[in-house]
C-alpha atoms as a PDB file:
ATOM      1  CA  MET A   1       0.000   0.000   0.000  1.00  0.00           C
ATOM      2  CA  LYS A   2       1.395   3.389  -1.027  1.00  0.00           C
ATOM      3  CA  ILE A   3       1.008   5.915   1.791  1.00  0.00           C
ATOM      4  CA  THR A   4       1.858   9.626   1.530  1.00  0.00           C
ATOM      5  CA  THR A   5       1.534  11.489   4.818  1.00  0.00           C
ATOM      6  CA  LEU A   6       1.221  15.000   3.401  1.00  0.00           C
ATOM      7  CA  GLU A   7       1.568  16.991   0.202  1.00  0.00           C
ATOM      8  CA  TRP A   8       0.605  20.262  -1.487  1.00  0.00           C
ATOM      9  CA  LYS A   9      -2.362  19.550  -3.747  1.00  0.00           C
ATOM     10  CA  ASN A  10      -4.983  21.775  -5.351  1.00  0.00           C
ATOM     11  CA  ASN A  11      -3.614  24.822  -3.549  1.00  0.00           C
ATOM     12  CA  LYS A  12      -4.110  23.159  -0.157  1.00  0.00           C
ATOM     13  CA  ILE A  13      -2.147  21.056   2.305  1.00  0.00           C
ATOM     14  CA  ARG A  14      -3.445  17.502   2.044  1.00  0.00           C
ATOM     15  CA  LEU A  15      -2.551  15.292   4.997  1.00  0.00           C
ATOM     16  CA  ILE A  16      -3.587  12.113   6.767  1.00  0.00           C
ATOM     17  CA  ASP A  17      -5.602  12.759   9.912  1.00  0.00           C
ATOM     18  CA  GLN A  18      -3.624  10.457  12.191  1.00  0.00           C
ATOM     19  CA  THR A  19      -6.139  10.771  15.022  1.00  0.00           C
ATOM     20  CA  LYS A  20      -8.520   8.597  12.957  1.00  0.00           C
ATOM     21  CA  LEU A  21      -6.102   5.690  12.585  1.00  0.00           C
ATOM     22  CA  PRO A  22      -6.084   2.720  12.700  1.00  0.00           C
ATOM     23  CA  HIS A  23      -9.807   2.455  12.000  1.00  0.00           C
ATOM     24  CA  LYS A  24     -10.024   4.981   9.194  1.00  0.00           C
ATOM     25  CA  LEU A  25      -7.493   6.288   6.659  1.00  0.00           C
ATOM     26  CA  GLU A  26      -8.825   9.794   6.107  1.00  0.00           C
ATOM     27  CA  TYR A  27      -7.179  12.736   4.362  1.00  0.00           C
ATOM     28  CA  ILE A  28      -8.035  16.312   5.234  1.00  0.00           C
ATOM     29  CA  ASN A  29      -7.448  19.358   3.055  1.00  0.00           C
ATOM     30  CA  ILE A  30      -6.241  22.483   4.833  1.00  0.00           C
ATOM     31  CA  ASP A  31      -6.437  25.959   3.325  1.00  0.00           C
ATOM     32  CA  LYS A  32      -6.360  28.049   6.517  1.00  0.00           C
ATOM     33  CA  LEU A  33      -3.316  28.609   8.700  1.00  0.00           C
ATOM     34  CA  GLY A  34      -5.358  28.241  11.899  1.00  0.00           C
ATOM     35  CA  ASP A  35      -6.519  24.806  10.805  1.00  0.00           C
ATOM     36  CA  LEU A  36      -2.930  23.723  10.223  1.00  0.00           C
ATOM     37  CA  TRP A  37      -1.880  25.019  13.656  1.00  0.00           C
ATOM     38  CA  GLU A  38      -4.686  23.000  15.200  1.00  0.00           C
ATOM     39  CA  ALA A  39      -3.760  19.897  13.168  1.00  0.00           C
ATOM     40  CA  ILE A  40      -0.192  20.130  14.493  1.00  0.00           C
ATOM     41  CA  LYS A  41      -1.275  20.771  18.084  1.00  0.00           C
ATOM     42  CA  LEU A  42      -3.831  17.937  18.081  1.00  0.00           C
ATOM     43  CA  LEU A  43      -1.360  15.498  16.452  1.00  0.00           C
ATOM     44  CA  LYS A  44      -3.378  15.074  13.287  1.00  0.00           C
ATOM     45  CA  VAL A  45       0.052  15.482  11.721  1.00  0.00           C
ATOM     46  CA  ARG A  46       3.064  14.565  13.860  1.00  0.00           C
ATOM     47  CA  GLY A  47       6.579  13.160  13.714  1.00  0.00           C
ATOM     48  CA  ALA A  48       9.620  15.409  13.413  1.00  0.00           C
ATOM     49  CA  PRO A  49      10.254  15.230   9.629  1.00  0.00           C
ATOM     50  CA  ALA A  50       6.545  15.447   8.797  1.00  0.00           C
ATOM     51  CA  LEU A  51       6.273  18.518  11.009  1.00  0.00           C
ATOM     52  CA  GLY A  52       9.182  20.082   9.130  1.00  0.00           C
ATOM     53  CA  ALA A  53       7.343  19.634   5.841  1.00  0.00           C
ATOM     54  CA  ALA A  54       4.018  20.773   7.318  1.00  0.00           C
ATOM     55  CA  ALA A  55       5.655  23.898   8.727  1.00  0.00           C
ATOM     56  CA  ALA A  56       7.360  24.725   5.430  1.00  0.00           C
ATOM     57  CA  LEU A  57       4.085  24.394   3.544  1.00  0.00           C
ATOM     58  CA  GLY A  58       2.352  26.243   6.373  1.00  0.00           C
ATOM     59  CA  VAL A  59       4.522  29.320   5.976  1.00  0.00           C
ATOM     60  CA  TYR A  60       3.644  29.420   2.284  1.00  0.00           C
ATOM     61  CA  LEU A  61      -0.030  28.830   3.059  1.00  0.00           C
ATOM     62  CA  GLY A  62       0.021  31.752   5.481  1.00  0.00           C
ATOM     63  CA  ILE A  63       1.611  34.265   3.083  1.00  0.00           C
ATOM     64  CA  LYS A  64       0.396  33.164  -0.350  1.00  0.00           C
ATOM     65  CA  ASP A  65      -2.305  35.861  -0.349  1.00  0.00           C
ATOM     66  CA  ALA A  66      -0.211  38.572   1.331  1.00  0.00           C
ATOM     67  CA  LYS A  67       0.152  41.942  -0.422  1.00  0.00           C
ATOM     68  CA  ALA A  68       3.513  43.461  -1.307  1.00  0.00           C
ATOM     69  CA  ASN A  69       3.312  46.352   1.160  1.00  0.00           C
ATOM     70  CA  ASP A  70       2.939  44.109   4.232  1.00  0.00           C
ATOM     71  CA  PHE A  71       4.465  40.845   2.993  1.00  0.00           C
ATOM     72  CA  PHE A  72       7.373  40.632   5.434  1.00  0.00           C
ATOM     73  CA  LYS A  73       5.284  41.799   8.367  1.00  0.00           C
ATOM     74  CA  GLU A  74       2.830  39.024   7.553  1.00  0.00           C
ATOM     75  CA  LEU A  75       5.698  36.551   7.141  1.00  0.00           C
ATOM     76  CA  ASP A  76       6.930  37.321  10.669  1.00  0.00           C
ATOM     77  CA  ARG A  77       3.413  36.860  12.047  1.00  0.00           C
ATOM     78  CA  VAL A  78       3.011  33.498  10.309  1.00  0.00           C
ATOM     79  CA  VAL A  79       6.430  32.292  11.449  1.00  0.00           C
ATOM     80  CA  LYS A  80       5.773  33.164  15.106  1.00  0.00           C
ATOM     81  CA  TYR A  81       2.306  31.631  15.003  1.00  0.00           C
ATOM     82  CA  LEU A  82       3.442  28.307  13.551  1.00  0.00           C
ATOM     83  CA  ALA A  83       6.413  28.159  15.927  1.00  0.00           C
ATOM     84  CA  SER A  84       4.004  28.359  18.878  1.00  0.00           C
ATOM     85  CA  SER A  85       2.274  25.083  17.959  1.00  0.00           C
ATOM     86  CA  ARG A  86       4.803  22.634  19.455  1.00  0.00           C
ATOM     87  CA  PRO A  87       8.101  23.526  21.156  1.00  0.00           C
ATOM     88  CA  THR A  88      10.223  20.354  21.092  1.00  0.00           C
ATOM     89  CA  ALA A  89      10.359  19.089  17.501  1.00  0.00           C
ATOM     90  CA  ARG A  90      13.444  20.637  15.926  1.00  0.00           C
ATOM     91  CA  ASN A  91      12.286  19.907  12.380  1.00  0.00           C
ATOM     92  CA  LEU A  92       9.241  22.145  12.744  1.00  0.00           C
ATOM     93  CA  PHE A  93      11.510  25.139  13.352  1.00  0.00           C
ATOM     94  CA  TRP A  94      13.939  23.942  10.677  1.00  0.00           C
ATOM     95  CA  GLY A  95      11.135  23.890   8.096  1.00  0.00           C
ATOM     96  CA  ILE A  96      10.027  27.383   9.093  1.00  0.00           C
ATOM     97  CA  GLU A  97      13.600  28.682   8.951  1.00  0.00           C
ATOM     98  CA  ARG A  98      14.169  27.280   5.462  1.00  0.00           C
ATOM     99  CA  ILE A  99      11.209  29.180   4.020  1.00  0.00           C
ATOM    100  CA  ARG A 100      11.974  32.360   5.919  1.00  0.00           C
ATOM    101  CA  THR A 101      15.606  32.291   4.734  1.00  0.00           C
ATOM    102  CA  VAL A 102      14.555  31.974   1.090  1.00  0.00           C
ATOM    103  CA  ALA A 103      12.165  34.900   1.553  1.00  0.00           C
ATOM    104  CA  LEU A 104      14.864  37.125   3.052  1.00  0.00           C
ATOM    105  CA  ASP A 105      17.440  36.092   0.453  1.00  0.00           C
ATOM    106  CA  ASN A 106      15.027  37.100  -2.325  1.00  0.00           C
ATOM    107  CA  LYS A 107      13.406  40.154  -0.753  1.00  0.00           C
ATOM    108  CA  ASN A 108      14.167  42.291  -3.811  1.00  0.00           C
ATOM    109  CA  ARG A 109      12.312  39.982  -6.203  1.00  0.00           C
ATOM    110  CA  ASP A 110       8.789  40.768  -7.385  1.00  0.00           C
ATOM    111  CA  LEU A 111       6.015  39.327  -5.250  1.00  0.00           C
ATOM    112  CA  VAL A 112       4.838  36.694  -7.746  1.00  0.00           C
ATOM    113  CA  THR A 113       8.359  35.341  -8.156  1.00  0.00           C
ATOM    114  CA  LEU A 114       9.011  35.436  -4.421  1.00  0.00           C
ATOM    115  CA  LYS A 115       5.915  33.400  -3.605  1.00  0.00           C
ATOM    116  CA  LYS A 116       6.777  30.920  -6.359  1.00  0.00           C
ATOM    117  CA  LEU A 117      10.242  30.455  -4.849  1.00  0.00           C
ATOM    118  CA  LEU A 118       8.781  29.816  -1.408  1.00  0.00           C
ATOM    119  CA  LEU A 119       6.443  27.099  -2.671  1.00  0.00           C
ATOM    120  CA  GLU A 120       9.308  25.518  -4.586  1.00  0.00           C
ATOM    121  CA  GLU A 121      11.400  25.479  -1.406  1.00  0.00           C
ATOM    122  CA  ALA A 122       8.579  23.881   0.585  1.00  0.00           C
ATOM    123  CA  ASN A 123       8.282  21.162  -2.036  1.00  0.00           C
ATOM    124  CA  ARG A 124      12.060  20.682  -1.862  1.00  0.00           C
ATOM    125  CA  VAL A 125      11.666  20.011   1.870  1.00  0.00           C
ATOM    126  CA  ILE A 126       9.203  17.252   0.987  1.00  0.00           C
ATOM    127  CA  GLU A 127      11.404  15.727  -1.702  1.00  0.00           C
ATOM    128  CA  SER A 128      14.513  15.898   0.480  1.00  0.00           C
ATOM    129  CA  ASP A 129      12.683  13.950   3.172  1.00  0.00           C
ATOM    130  CA  ARG A 130      11.888  11.202   0.675  1.00  0.00           C
ATOM    131  CA  THR A 131      15.531  11.049  -0.363  1.00  0.00           C
ATOM    132  CA  ASN A 132      17.047  11.402   3.104  1.00  0.00           C
ATOM    133  CA  CYS A 133      14.864   8.733   4.698  1.00  0.00           C
ATOM    134  CA  ARG A 134      16.007   6.252   2.085  1.00  0.00           C
ATOM    135  CA  LYS A 135      19.646   7.220   2.603  1.00  0.00           C
ATOM    136  CA  MET A 136      19.165   6.760   6.338  1.00  0.00           C
ATOM    137  CA  ALA A 137      17.584   3.366   5.743  1.00  0.00           C
ATOM    138  CA  GLY A 138      20.555   2.298   3.643  1.00  0.00           C
ATOM    139  CA  PHE A 139      22.999   3.144   6.412  1.00  0.00           C
ATOM    140  CA  GLY A 140      20.837   1.798   9.234  1.00  0.00           C
ATOM    141  CA  SER A 141      19.998  -1.544   7.646  1.00  0.00           C
ATOM    142  CA  SER A 142      23.641  -2.545   8.114  1.00  0.00           C
ATOM    143  CA  LEU A 143      22.902  -2.663  11.862  1.00  0.00           C
ATOM    144  CA  ILE A 144      20.056  -5.158  11.423  1.00  0.00           C
ATOM    145  CA  LYS A 145      20.788  -8.870  11.124  1.00  0.00           C
ATOM    146  CA  ASP A 146      18.683 -11.643   9.652  1.00  0.00           C
ATOM    147  CA  GLY A 147      16.480 -13.015  12.426  1.00  0.00           C
ATOM    148  CA  ASP A 148      16.581  -9.915  14.652  1.00  0.00           C
ATOM    149  CA  THR A 149      13.675  -9.026  16.896  1.00  0.00           C
ATOM    150  CA  ILE A 150      13.519  -5.277  17.352  1.00  0.00           C
ATOM    151  CA  LEU A 151      11.701  -3.134  19.893  1.00  0.00           C
ATOM    152  CA  THR A 152      10.483   0.375  19.108  1.00  0.00           C
ATOM    153  CA  ILE A 153       8.327   3.040  20.724  1.00  0.00           C
ATOM    154  CA  CYS A 154       5.934   5.672  19.343  1.00  0.00           C
ATOM    155  CA  ASN A 155       5.916   6.048  15.568  1.00  0.00           C
ATOM    156  CA  ALA A 156       9.018   6.849  13.530  1.00  0.00           C
ATOM    157  CA  GLY A 157       7.751   5.509  10.239  1.00  0.00           C
ATOM    158  CA  ILE A 158       5.862   6.604   7.157  1.00  0.00           C
ATOM    159  CA  LEU A 159       3.394   8.588   9.248  1.00  0.00           C
ATOM    160  CA  ALA A 160       6.191  10.568  10.903  1.00  0.00           C
ATOM    161  CA  THR A 161       7.758  11.459   7.554  1.00  0.00           C
ATOM    162  CA  ILE A 162       6.508  11.859   3.997  1.00  0.00           C
ATOM    163  CA  ASP A 163       6.377   8.254   2.830  1.00  0.00           C
ATOM    164  CA  TYR A 164       9.101   6.013   4.318  1.00  0.00           C
ATOM    165  CA  GLY A 165      10.270   6.614   7.870  1.00  0.00           C
ATOM    166  CA  THR A 166      13.346   7.066  10.038  1.00  0.00           C
ATOM    167  CA  ALA A 167      13.602   4.222  12.570  1.00  0.00           C
ATOM    168  CA  LEU A 168      10.953   2.179  10.779  1.00  0.00           C
ATOM    169  CA  GLY A 169      12.507   3.086   7.440  1.00  0.00           C
ATOM    170  CA  VAL A 170      15.594   1.185   8.591  1.00  0.00           C
ATOM    171  CA  LEU A 171      13.389  -1.836   9.230  1.00  0.00           C
ATOM    172  CA  TYR A 172      11.628  -1.496   5.869  1.00  0.00           C
ATOM    173  CA  ARG A 173      14.983  -1.502   4.109  1.00  0.00           C
ATOM    174  CA  ALA A 174      16.133  -4.549   6.093  1.00  0.00           C
ATOM    175  CA  LYS A 175      12.982  -6.379   5.000  1.00  0.00           C
ATOM    176  CA  GLU A 176      13.508  -5.283   1.383  1.00  0.00           C
ATOM    177  CA  GLU A 177      16.987  -6.803   1.597  1.00  0.00           C
ATOM    178  CA  GLY A 178      15.444 -10.133   2.527  1.00  0.00           C
ATOM    179  CA  LYS A 179      16.223 -10.070   6.237  1.00  0.00           C
ATOM    180  CA  ARG A 180      13.661 -11.834   8.382  1.00  0.00           C
ATOM    181  CA  ILE A 181      12.772  -9.510  11.237  1.00  0.00           C
ATOM    182  CA  LYS A 182      10.147  -9.268  13.939  1.00  0.00           C
ATOM    183  CA  VAL A 183       9.065  -6.073  15.664  1.00  0.00           C
ATOM    184  CA  PHE A 184       7.622  -5.427  19.102  1.00  0.00           C
ATOM    185  CA  ALA A 185       5.833  -2.074  19.175  1.00  0.00           C
ATOM    186  CA  CYS A 186       5.303  -0.438  22.566  1.00  0.00           C
ATOM    187  CA  GLU A 187       1.732   0.851  22.685  1.00  0.00           C
ATOM    188  CA  THR A 188       3.105   4.282  23.722  1.00  0.00           C
ATOM    189  CA  ARG A 189       0.869   5.820  26.336  1.00  0.00           C
ATOM    190  CA  PRO A 190      -0.966   8.081  26.606  1.00  0.00           C
ATOM    191  CA  LEU A 191      -2.030   8.506  22.954  1.00  0.00           C
ATOM    192  CA  LEU A 192      -1.057   5.030  21.766  1.00  0.00           C
ATOM    193  CA  GLN A 193       0.965   6.028  18.709  1.00  0.00           C
ATOM    194  CA  GLY A 194       2.632   2.617  18.831  1.00  0.00           C
ATOM    195  CA  SER A 195      -0.511   0.519  18.748  1.00  0.00           C
ATOM    196  CA  ARG A 196      -2.560   2.901  16.576  1.00  0.00           C
ATOM    197  CA  LEU A 197       0.073   4.051  14.071  1.00  0.00           C
ATOM    198  CA  THR A 198       3.232   1.933  14.135  1.00  0.00           C
ATOM    199  CA  ALA A 199       1.387  -1.373  14.258  1.00  0.00           C
ATOM    200  CA  TRP A 200      -0.962  -0.166  11.514  1.00  0.00           C
ATOM    201  CA  GLU A 201       1.737   0.795   9.043  1.00  0.00           C
ATOM    202  CA  LEU A 202       3.994  -2.190   9.810  1.00  0.00           C
ATOM    203  CA  ASN A 203       1.007  -4.433   9.209  1.00  0.00           C
ATOM    204  CA  GLN A 204       0.288  -2.601   5.935  1.00  0.00           C
ATOM    205  CA  LYS A 205       3.900  -3.238   4.914  1.00  0.00           C
ATOM    206  CA  GLY A 206       3.796  -6.928   5.784  1.00  0.00           C
ATOM    207  CA  VAL A 207       6.233  -6.683   8.694  1.00  0.00           C
ATOM    208  CA  ASP A 208       5.747  -9.154  11.552  1.00  0.00           C
ATOM    209  CA  VAL A 209       4.634  -6.885  14.419  1.00  0.00           C
ATOM    210  CA  THR A 210       3.400  -7.526  17.958  1.00  0.00           C
ATOM    211  CA  VAL A 211       1.952  -4.765  20.151  1.00  0.00           C
ATOM    212  CA  VAL A 212       2.898  -4.774  23.850  1.00  0.00           C
ATOM    213  CA  CYS A 213       2.087  -2.552  26.798  1.00  0.00           C
ATOM    214  CA  ASP A 214       4.931  -0.146  27.490  1.00  0.00           C
ATOM    215  CA  ASN A 215       5.766  -1.862  30.774  1.00  0.00           C
ATOM    216  CA  VAL A 216       6.314  -5.238  29.067  1.00  0.00           C
ATOM    217  CA  ALA A 217       9.638  -4.086  27.588  1.00  0.00           C
ATOM    218  CA  ALA A 218      11.771  -5.071  30.587  1.00  0.00           C
ATOM    219  CA  SER A 219      10.288  -8.556  30.696  1.00  0.00           C
ATOM    220  CA  LEU A 220      10.926  -9.091  26.973  1.00  0.00           C
ATOM    221  CA  MET A 221      14.549  -8.078  27.408  1.00  0.00           C
ATOM    222  CA  GLN A 222      14.960 -10.264  30.481  1.00  0.00           C
ATOM    223  CA  GLN A 223      13.677 -13.243  28.481  1.00  0.00           C
ATOM    224  CA  GLY A 224      16.189 -12.590  25.688  1.00  0.00           C
ATOM    225  CA  LYS A 225      13.481 -11.812  23.159  1.00  0.00           C
ATOM    226  CA  ILE A 226      14.905  -8.466  21.994  1.00  0.00           C
ATOM    227  CA  ASN A 227      18.080  -8.085  19.910  1.00  0.00           C
ATOM    228  CA  LYS A 228      17.938  -4.362  19.137  1.00  0.00           C
ATOM    229  CA  VAL A 229      16.030  -1.229  20.076  1.00  0.00           C
ATOM    230  CA  ILE A 230      15.597   1.491  17.457  1.00  0.00           C
ATOM    231  CA  VAL A 231      13.654   4.732  17.890  1.00  0.00           C
ATOM    232  CA  GLY A 232      13.314   8.135  16.271  1.00  0.00           C
ATOM    233  CA  ALA A 233      14.066  11.563  17.735  1.00  0.00           C
ATOM    234  CA  ASP A 234      12.421  14.978  17.831  1.00  0.00           C
ATOM    235  CA  ARG A 235      15.540  16.962  18.713  1.00  0.00           C
ATOM    236  CA  ILE A 236      19.181  15.958  19.163  1.00  0.00           C
ATOM    237  CA  ALA A 237      21.609  18.189  21.038  1.00  0.00           C
ATOM    238  CA  ALA A 238      25.179  18.893  19.961  1.00  0.00           C
ATOM    239  CA  ASN A 239      26.480  16.285  22.405  1.00  0.00           C
ATOM    240  CA  GLY A 240      24.132  13.531  21.182  1.00  0.00           C
ATOM    241  CA  ASP A 241      21.521  13.746  23.947  1.00  0.00           C
ATOM    242  CA  ALA A 242      18.229  12.995  22.220  1.00  0.00           C
ATOM    243  CA  ALA A 243      14.629  13.963  22.958  1.00  0.00           C
ATOM    244  CA  ASN A 244      12.010  11.473  21.855  1.00  0.00           C
ATOM    245  CA  LYS A 245       8.566  10.284  22.943  1.00  0.00           C
ATOM    246  CA  ILE A 246       8.191   9.866  26.699  1.00  0.00           C
ATOM    247  CA  GLY A 247       9.301   6.361  27.669  1.00  0.00           C
ATOM    248  CA  THR A 248      12.290   6.292  25.326  1.00  0.00           C
ATOM    249  CA  TYR A 249      14.711   7.000  28.159  1.00  0.00           C
ATOM    250  CA  THR A 250      13.253   4.023  30.031  1.00  0.00           C
ATOM    251  CA  LEU A 251      14.034   1.752  27.085  1.00  0.00           C
ATOM    252  CA  ALA A 252      17.571   3.124  26.868  1.00  0.00           C
ATOM    253  CA  VAL A 253      18.233   2.383  30.546  1.00  0.00           C
ATOM    254  CA  LEU A 254      16.780  -1.109  30.176  1.00  0.00           C
ATOM    255  CA  SER A 255      18.844  -1.713  27.052  1.00  0.00           C
ATOM    256  CA  ARG A 256      22.051  -0.794  28.843  1.00  0.00           C
ATOM    257  CA  TYR A 257      21.231  -3.109  31.752  1.00  0.00           C
ATOM    258  CA  HIS A 258      20.476  -6.018  29.404  1.00  0.00           C
ATOM    259  CA  ASN A 259      23.403  -5.260  27.055  1.00  0.00           C
ATOM    260  CA  ILE A 260      21.143  -4.608  24.046  1.00  0.00           C
ATOM    261  CA  PRO A 261      22.153  -2.082  21.339  1.00  0.00           C
ATOM    262  CA  PHE A 262      20.038   1.080  21.486  1.00  0.00           C
ATOM    263  CA  TYR A 263      19.900   3.045  18.231  1.00  0.00           C
ATOM    264  CA  ILE A 264      18.379   6.355  17.239  1.00  0.00           C
ATOM    265  CA  ALA A 265      17.498   7.203  13.635  1.00  0.00           C
ATOM    266  CA  ALA A 266      16.972  10.830  12.635  1.00  0.00           C
ATOM    267  CA  PRO A 267      17.905  13.129   9.743  1.00  0.00           C
ATOM    268  CA  VAL A 268      20.526  15.849  10.123  1.00  0.00           C
ATOM    269  CA  SER A 269      17.686  18.385  10.238  1.00  0.00           C
ATOM    270  CA  THR A 270      16.755  17.042  13.699  1.00  0.00           C
ATOM    271  CA  PHE A 271      20.104  18.107  15.194  1.00  0.00           C
ATOM    272  CA  ASP A 272      20.129  21.377  17.120  1.00  0.00           C
ATOM    273  CA  SER A 273      23.622  22.842  17.300  1.00  0.00           C
ATOM    274  CA  CYS A 274      22.346  25.578  19.631  1.00  0.00           C
ATOM    275  CA  ALA A 275      21.434  22.992  22.268  1.00  0.00           C
ATOM    276  CA  LYS A 276      24.712  21.952  23.892  1.00  0.00           C
ATOM    277  CA  SER A 277      23.050  19.112  25.793  1.00  0.00           C
ATOM    278  CA  GLY A 278      19.670  17.688  26.621  1.00  0.00           C
ATOM    279  CA  LYS A 279      19.301  20.261  29.393  1.00  0.00           C
ATOM    280  CA  ASP A 280      18.794  22.892  26.687  1.00  0.00           C
ATOM    281  CA  ILE A 281      15.867  21.063  25.077  1.00  0.00           C
ATOM    282  CA  VAL A 282      12.431  22.417  25.955  1.00  0.00           C
ATOM    283  CA  ILE A 283      10.057  19.562  26.788  1.00  0.00           C
ATOM    284  CA  GLU A 284       6.446  20.040  25.735  1.00  0.00           C
ATOM    285  CA  GLU A 285       3.792  19.415  28.383  1.00  0.00           C
ATOM    286  CA  ARG A 286       0.421  18.471  26.988  1.00  0.00           C
ATOM    287  CA  ASP A 287      -3.253  18.459  27.959  1.00  0.00           C
ATOM    288  CA  PRO A 288      -3.992  16.476  31.170  1.00  0.00           C
ATOM    289  CA  ALA A 289      -7.007  14.976  29.363  1.00  0.00           C
ATOM    290  CA  GLU A 290      -4.601  12.828  27.354  1.00  0.00           C
ATOM    291  CA  VAL A 291      -3.745  11.006  30.574  1.00  0.00           C
ATOM    292  CA  ASN A 292      -6.877  11.070  32.693  1.00  0.00           C
ATOM    293  CA  ARG A 293      -9.156  10.162  29.787  1.00  0.00           C
ATOM    294  CA  LEU A 294      -8.658   7.188  27.494  1.00  0.00           C
ATOM    295  CA  LEU A 295      -8.172   8.818  24.082  1.00  0.00           C
ATOM    296  CA  PHE A 296     -10.197  11.807  25.378  1.00  0.00           C
ATOM    297  CA  SER A 297     -13.336   9.708  25.890  1.00  0.00           C
ATOM    298  CA  LYS A 298     -13.705   7.610  29.036  1.00  0.00           C
ATOM    299  CA  GLN A 299     -12.496   9.114  32.317  1.00  0.00           C
ATOM    300  CA  ILE A 300      -9.932   6.732  33.867  1.00  0.00           C
ATOM    301  CA  ALA A 301      -8.625   8.852  36.759  1.00  0.00           C
ATOM    302  CA  PRO A 302     -10.436  10.571  39.620  1.00  0.00           C
ATOM    303  CA  TYR A 303     -11.888  13.943  38.686  1.00  0.00           C
ATOM    304  CA  GLY A 304      -9.692  16.781  39.910  1.00  0.00           C
ATOM    305  CA  VAL A 305      -6.552  14.682  40.374  1.00  0.00           C
ATOM    306  CA  LYS A 306      -3.321  16.348  39.251  1.00  0.00           C
ATOM    307  CA  VAL A 307      -1.686  15.159  36.013  1.00  0.00           C
ATOM    308  CA  PHE A 308       1.891  15.499  34.748  1.00  0.00           C
ATOM    309  CA  ASN A 309       2.003  14.877  30.997  1.00  0.00           C
ATOM    310  CA  PRO A 310       5.390  15.561  29.354  1.00  0.00           C
ATOM    311  CA  ALA A 311       5.351  14.548  25.701  1.00  0.00           C
ATOM    312  CA  PHE A 312       9.058  13.716  25.570  1.00  0.00           C
ATOM    313  CA  ASP A 313      12.032  12.672  27.649  1.00  0.00           C
ATOM    314  CA  VAL A 314      15.751  13.002  26.960  1.00  0.00           C
ATOM    315  CA  THR A 315      18.076  10.041  26.540  1.00  0.00           C
ATOM    316  CA  PRO A 316      21.663  10.934  27.513  1.00  0.00           C
ATOM    317  CA  ASN A 317      24.313  10.191  24.919  1.00  0.00           C
ATOM    318  CA  ASN A 318      26.109   7.568  27.013  1.00  0.00           C
ATOM    319  CA  LEU A 319      23.092   5.240  26.616  1.00  0.00           C
ATOM    320  CA  ILE A 320      22.997   5.548  22.816  1.00  0.00           C
ATOM    321  CA  SER A 321      24.910   2.919  20.832  1.00  0.00           C
ATOM    322  CA  ALA A 322      24.808   4.876  17.556  1.00  0.00           C
ATOM    323  CA  ILE A 323      22.794   7.535  15.735  1.00  0.00           C
ATOM    324  CA  VAL A 324      21.715   6.735  12.175  1.00  0.00           C
ATOM    325  CA  THR A 325      21.428   9.786   9.914  1.00  0.00           C
ATOM    326  CA  ASP A 326      21.060  10.524   6.225  1.00  0.00           C
ATOM    327  CA  LYS A 327      24.786  11.378   6.211  1.00  0.00           C
ATOM    328  CA  GLY A 328      25.918   8.145   7.833  1.00  0.00           C
ATOM    329  CA  ILE A 329      26.104   6.448  11.226  1.00  0.00           C
ATOM    330  CA  ILE A 330      27.472   8.541  14.099  1.00  0.00           C
ATOM    331  CA  ARG A 331      29.261   6.787  16.921  1.00  0.00           C
ATOM    332  CA  LYS A 332      31.059   7.970  20.047  1.00  0.00           C
ATOM    333  CA  PRO A 333      32.622  10.413  20.778  1.00  0.00           C
ATOM    334  CA  TYR A 334      29.418  12.214  19.856  1.00  0.00           C
ATOM    335  CA  VAL A 335      30.486  15.818  20.417  1.00  0.00           C
ATOM    336  CA  LYS A 336      33.395  15.443  18.006  1.00  0.00           C
ATOM    337  CA  ASN A 337      31.608  13.339  15.409  1.00  0.00           C
ATOM    338  CA  ILE A 338      28.375  15.335  15.401  1.00  0.00           C
ATOM    339  CA  SER A 339      30.361  18.551  14.965  1.00  0.00           C
ATOM    340  CA  LYS A 340      32.227  16.997  12.051  1.00  0.00           C
ATOM    341  CA  LEU A 341      28.986  15.836  10.421  1.00  0.00           C
ATOM    342  CA  MET A 342      27.254  19.197  10.866  1.00  0.00           C
ATOM    343  CA  THR A 343      30.259  21.073   9.452  1.00  0.00           C
ATOM    344  CA  ASN A 344      30.338  18.842   6.400  1.00  0.00           C
ATOM    345  CA  ASP A 345      26.583  19.219   5.998  1.00  0.00           C
ATOM    346  CA  LYS A 346      26.892  23.000   5.989  1.00  0.00           C
ATOM    347  CA  ILE A 347      29.592  22.812   3.338  1.00  0.00           C
ATOM    348  CA  GLN A 348      27.462  20.520   1.168  1.00  0.00           C
ATOM    349  CA  SER A 349      24.358  22.664   1.634  1.00  0.00           C
ATOM    350  CA  SER A 350      26.175  25.793   0.534  1.00  0.00           C
ATOM    351  CA  LYS A 351      27.250  24.372  -2.811  1.00  0.00           C
END
């Protein structure tokens, strides 16, 4: 089954409403900036690379009807508004910055040409994700052996990107190479992205997948049923500390105790050179209703009880075996090797 998470079509942003999965594959068409902001906030579109593409298209959506005399004022308003939707995912800000940079670099062009350039850049973000995910998969598949059973959390697959995936893209490539693999998908409380999204797309792709409660992971490792753990990331600091869905840090600690390789897969656009370590990463706290109600419907906690609902946690670099990127696999020492990769990436991007 061919799945495309989002695209620009008929002068609108067309995206899968991920809150309807796994029961219904439904696309929504967005032509208002406020609707896109809401779609991002409510996780109708989610996953770091997908958010980068959504944000890039969103900037264009917000300024495509702007007049020449207030174009850049409107651009600043749109940029600030989109940036307020979710604070942790680096790619969202990266996508915004790409469009804003093109606008500033071409500020002396006529308005029609300028808007055309911005849409072209947004579509380049989409195409680069397709390319980069497949590059990442090529590098990462070398870490997967025939017969491996792999544990993952949340969703770092097609639905988190344009059409392939980061962590799950590695697994798709391994399967394409003929490797027999099995996947355990943590359900990923509180919004169940593992059972609703990861299990759905792995099943669509014919990958052997088993859903488990998040707290089953330790038992699986203790029984020797897990060979590898691979997850995505929403922001990676300059020292290799990585923010990902809440519960990822737990898996990293468990992996270290059980001597299981723990891998992260993320494109270079997820790295934040301004964050020296995980302490500099802002962690999003979300609506208490995600925790005290089961998928916002049935109340499962006492009314009035306090709720702490961080969307992400940070895995320190010393628990990470390697980071798979579209530029290659990064290993320790992370500070040195990430700096080298980012420097080379800047050189390549400037050509």
